[in-house]
C-alpha atoms as a PDB file:
ATOM      1  CA  MET A   1     100.173 146.693  36.455  1.00  0.00           C
ATOM      2  CA  LYS A   2     101.325 144.986  33.291  1.00  0.00           C
ATOM      3  CA  VAL A   3     104.745 145.304  31.670  1.00  0.00           C
ATOM      4  CA  LYS A   4     105.895 144.109  28.248  1.00  0.00           C
ATOM      5  CA  ILE A   5     109.282 142.405  27.741  1.00  0.00           C
ATOM      6  CA  GLN A   6     111.030 141.211  24.723  1.00  0.00           C
ATOM      7  CA  VAL A   7     112.579 137.773  25.432  1.00  0.00           C
ATOM      8  CA  THR A   8     115.187 136.008  23.167  1.00  0.00           C
ATOM      9  CA  VAL A   9     115.267 132.265  24.139  1.00  0.00           C
ATOM     10  CA  LYS A  10     118.412 129.983  23.480  1.00  0.00           C
ATOM     11  CA  THR A  11     117.388 126.412  24.006  1.00  0.00           C
ATOM     12  CA  LYS A  12     119.640 123.384  24.837  1.00  0.00           C
ATOM     13  CA  SER A  13     122.009 125.277  27.146  1.00  0.00           C
ATOM     14  CA  LYS A  14     124.058 123.716  29.851  1.00  0.00           C
ATOM     15  CA  ILE A  15     122.385 125.881  32.482  1.00  0.00           C
ATOM     16  CA  SER A  16     119.101 128.026  32.726  1.00  0.00           C
ATOM     17  CA  GLU A  17     119.816 131.565  33.157  1.00  0.00           C
ATOM     18  CA  ILE A  18     118.524 135.041  32.371  1.00  0.00           C
ATOM     19  CA  SER A  19     120.535 137.864  31.019  1.00  0.00           C
ATOM     20  CA  HIS A  20     119.314 141.435  30.963  1.00  0.00           C
ATOM     21  CA  ILE A  21     120.193 143.200  27.872  1.00  0.00           C
ATOM     22  CA  GLU A  22     118.343 146.307  27.798  1.00  0.00           C
ATOM     23  CA  HIS A  23     115.602 148.215  29.394  1.00  0.00           C
ATOM     24  CA  THR A  24     112.861 145.652  28.517  1.00  0.00           C
ATOM     25  CA  ASN A  25     115.031 142.926  26.402  1.00  0.00           C
ATOM     26  CA  TYR A  26     116.319 139.877  28.008  1.00  0.00           C
ATOM     27  CA  LEU A  27     118.138 136.722  27.044  1.00  0.00           C
ATOM     28  CA  VAL A  28     117.220 133.517  28.394  1.00  0.00           C
ATOM     29  CA  ARG A  29     119.308 130.375  28.149  1.00  0.00           C
ATOM     30  CA  LEU A  30     117.073 127.070  28.718  1.00  0.00           C
ATOM     31  CA  LYS A  31     118.226 123.541  29.279  1.00  0.00           C
ATOM     32  CA  SER A  32     114.845 122.320  27.532  1.00  0.00           C
ATOM     33  CA  LEU A  33     114.513 121.398  23.968  1.00  0.00           C
ATOM     34  CA  PRO A  34     112.078 123.436  21.937  1.00  0.00           C
ATOM     35  CA  ILE A  35     109.531 120.464  21.394  1.00  0.00           C
ATOM     36  CA  GLU A  36     106.145 119.790  22.920  1.00  0.00           C
ATOM     37  CA  ASN A  37     106.152 123.436  24.763  1.00  0.00           C
ATOM     38  CA  PHE A  38     108.833 122.242  27.230  1.00  0.00           C
ATOM     39  CA  ALA A  39     110.852 125.297  26.596  1.00  0.00           C
ATOM     40  CA  ASN A  40     107.811 127.669  26.975  1.00  0.00           C
ATOM     41  CA  LYS A  41     107.127 126.047  30.337  1.00  0.00           C
ATOM     42  CA  GLU A  42     110.515 126.408  31.618  1.00  0.00           C
ATOM     43  CA  LEU A  43     110.898 130.153  30.437  1.00  0.00           C
ATOM     44  CA  ILE A  44     107.698 130.912  32.360  1.00  0.00           C
ATOM     45  CA  GLU A  45     109.130 129.106  35.352  1.00  0.00           C
ATOM     46  CA  ILE A  46     112.379 130.900  35.212  1.00  0.00           C
ATOM     47  CA  LEU A  47     110.870 134.340  34.670  1.00  0.00           C
ATOM     48  CA  SER A  48     108.580 133.880  37.702  1.00  0.00           C
ATOM     49  CA  LYS A  49     111.467 133.137  39.730  1.00  0.00           C
ATOM     50  CA  TYR A  50     113.384 135.947  38.358  1.00  0.00           C
ATOM     51  CA  PHE A  51     110.685 138.576  38.918  1.00  0.00           C
ATOM     52  CA  ARG A  52     109.143 136.880  41.856  1.00  0.00           C
ATOM     53  CA  ILE A  53     105.636 136.612  40.595  1.00  0.00           C
ATOM     54  CA  PRO A  54     103.191 133.711  40.178  1.00  0.00           C
ATOM     55  CA  GLN A  55     103.441 131.736  36.986  1.00  0.00           C
ATOM     56  CA  SER A  56      99.894 132.614  36.211  1.00  0.00           C
ATOM     57  CA  SER A  57     100.884 136.203  35.951  1.00  0.00           C
ATOM     58  CA  ILE A  58     103.095 135.450  32.858  1.00  0.00           C
ATOM     59  CA  LYS A  59     101.580 135.171  29.336  1.00  0.00           C
ATOM     60  CA  ILE A  60     103.595 134.702  26.204  1.00  0.00           C
ATOM     61  CA  LEU A  61     101.647 137.027  23.546  1.00  0.00           C
ATOM     62  CA  LYS A  62     103.829 136.526  20.777  1.00  0.00           C
ATOM     63  CA  GLY A  63     106.335 133.757  19.444  1.00  0.00           C
ATOM     64  CA  LEU A  64     105.172 130.579  20.865  1.00  0.00           C
ATOM     65  CA  LYS A  65     107.302 128.739  18.097  1.00  0.00           C
ATOM     66  CA  SER A  66     109.951 131.245  17.855  1.00  0.00           C
ATOM     67  CA  LYS A  67     113.034 132.140  19.789  1.00  0.00           C
ATOM     68  CA  ASN A  68     111.815 135.815  19.878  1.00  0.00           C
ATOM     69  CA  LYS A  69     109.147 136.357  22.262  1.00  0.00           C
ATOM     70  CA  LEU A  70     106.873 139.125  23.629  1.00  0.00           C
ATOM     71  CA  VAL A  71     105.913 138.185  27.278  1.00  0.00           C
ATOM     72  CA  GLU A  72     103.341 140.141  29.278  1.00  0.00           C
ATOM     73  CA  LEU A  73     104.194 140.047  33.041  1.00  0.00           C
ATOM     74  CA  SER A  74     101.270 141.262  35.326  1.00  0.00           C
ATOM     75  CA  GLU A  75     100.592 141.570  39.065  1.00  0.00           C
ATOM     76  CA  GLY A  76      98.155 138.802  39.905  1.00  0.00           C
ATOM     77  CA  GLU A  77      94.986 139.262  41.998  1.00  0.00           C
ATOM     78  CA  ASP A  78      96.907 137.663  44.929  1.00  0.00           C
ATOM     79  CA  SER A  79      99.590 140.390  45.036  1.00  0.00           C
ATOM     80  CA  ASN A  80      96.891 142.791  45.223  1.00  0.00           C
ATOM     81  CA  LYS A  81      95.052 141.002  48.086  1.00  0.00           C
ATOM     82  CA  ARG A  82      98.213 140.749  50.003  1.00  0.00           C
ATOM     83  CA  GLU A  83      98.926 144.572  49.749  1.00  0.00           C
ATOM     84  CA  LYS A  84      95.220 145.369  50.728  1.00  0.00           C
ATOM     85  CA  ASN A  85      95.552 143.051  53.804  1.00  0.00           C
ATOM     86  CA  ILE A  86      98.856 144.629  55.164  1.00  0.00           C
END
């Protein structure tokens, strides 16, 4: 199953955190600077922890160099295999 969410990113924050704004809209504050893809990497890490999915299941579809991003979350093959094994 794939879900698309809108994410607004604020960089250079004191703490990294996620705020759920609306149904599929999120505000994510990151400690990283928006250089050399550091903020995008931290975004994927924090979304992975928040949604409890592997980092490989998260893709930034639009906005790699923007504060407004369209992100796709998908259940990885690993989660499907785990469900079948139960």
